[in-house]
Structure formats: C-alpha cells, structure tokens
Amino acid sequence: MKLVVSEDCIGCGACIDTCPEVFDWNEDGTMAKAIDADVPDANTDAATQAMSDCPVGAISEE
C-alpha cells in the first residue's frame, strides 16, 4: 500500500501525530507528505487510521 497526500491538506498534523513512520512535513513545513515507498506492514493499521481520520480527506491510496 502506498499513500499520497493531496494539495487539499490543511497542515493540521493529525496524520503525522498518528503515524510519524509514514507521514512527515513537506519541505516548507506547511502540509503533510507521505513516504515515497510502500507503507511497512508494521505501520499499515496506523497509516490507515491516519487516512480515515484526515479532516479534509487529503490522504488516499495510490
């Protein structure tokens, strides 16, 4: 599973708090980004939770 964060991100940081192994701040520190690789099996549940908890639905599976 590979996740992406769209331009709809409002930079609330909820995904980063939920799954910092998969999500981090972009270069500007204004919105989240997902790792460029497949989500490690150990982080699938937390990453899926972060995706479903995103308040603007900016995270999707690629």
Protein backbone atom coordinates (compact mmCIF):
# COMPACT_ATOMS: atom_id res chain seq x y z
CA MET A 1 0.00 0.00 0.00
CA LYS A 2 1.31 3.41 -0.95
CA LEU A 3 -0.31 6.61 0.30
CA VAL A 4 -0.27 10.14 -1.07
CA VAL A 5 -1.29 13.47 0.42
CA SER A 6 -3.09 15.87 -1.91
CA GLU A 7 -2.95 19.64 -2.14
CA ASP A 8 -6.17 19.66 -0.08
CA CYS A 9 -4.04 19.16 3.06
CA ILE A 10 -4.64 21.91 5.63
CA GLY A 11 -1.50 21.14 7.60
CA CYS A 12 -3.22 20.10 10.82
CA GLY A 13 -0.57 17.43 11.52
CA ALA A 14 -3.04 14.76 12.65
CA CYS A 15 -1.58 12.15 10.29
CA ILE A 16 1.95 12.90 11.49
CA ASP A 17 0.84 12.50 15.11
CA THR A 18 -0.94 9.22 14.30
CA CYS A 19 1.76 7.63 12.14
CA PRO A 20 5.08 9.50 12.08
CA GLU A 21 6.75 6.49 10.43
CA VAL A 22 4.75 7.21 7.26
CA PHE A 23 3.89 10.92 7.37
CA ASP A 24 6.09 13.99 7.80
CA TRP A 25 6.01 17.69 6.99
CA ASN A 26 6.81 18.82 3.45
CA GLU A 27 9.88 20.94 2.74
CA ASP A 28 8.00 24.17 3.58
CA GLY A 29 6.53 22.74 6.78
CA THR A 30 3.07 23.80 5.63
CA MET A 31 1.46 20.47 4.80
CA ALA A 32 1.99 16.75 5.29
CA LYS A 33 3.61 14.33 2.89
CA ALA A 34 3.75 10.54 2.84
CA ILE A 35 6.89 8.45 2.48
CA ASP A 36 7.78 7.62 -1.12
CA ALA A 37 7.79 3.87 -0.50
CA ASP A 38 5.14 1.31 0.33
CA VAL A 39 3.85 1.56 3.88
CA PRO A 40 5.69 -1.01 6.00
CA ASP A 41 3.46 -3.85 7.21
CA ALA A 42 4.06 -2.84 10.84
CA ASN A 43 2.55 0.60 10.14
CA THR A 44 -0.43 -0.34 7.97
CA ASP A 45 -3.05 -0.03 10.74
CA ALA A 46 -1.80 3.36 11.95
CA ALA A 47 -1.46 4.68 8.39
CA THR A 48 -4.98 3.53 7.53
CA GLN A 49 -6.26 5.19 10.71
CA ALA A 50 -4.49 8.45 9.76
CA MET A 51 -6.06 8.30 6.30
CA SER A 52 -9.58 7.81 7.69
CA ASP A 53 -9.10 10.49 10.37
CA CYS A 54 -7.89 13.21 7.96
CA PRO A 55 -10.41 16.04 8.47
CA VAL A 56 -10.35 17.06 4.78
CA GLY A 57 -9.82 13.64 3.17
CA ALA A 58 -6.45 14.66 1.71
CA ILE A 59 -4.87 11.21 2.08
CA SER A 60 -5.55 8.49 -0.45
CA GLU A 61 -4.13 5.18 -1.53
CA GLU A 62 -2.19 5.28 -4.76
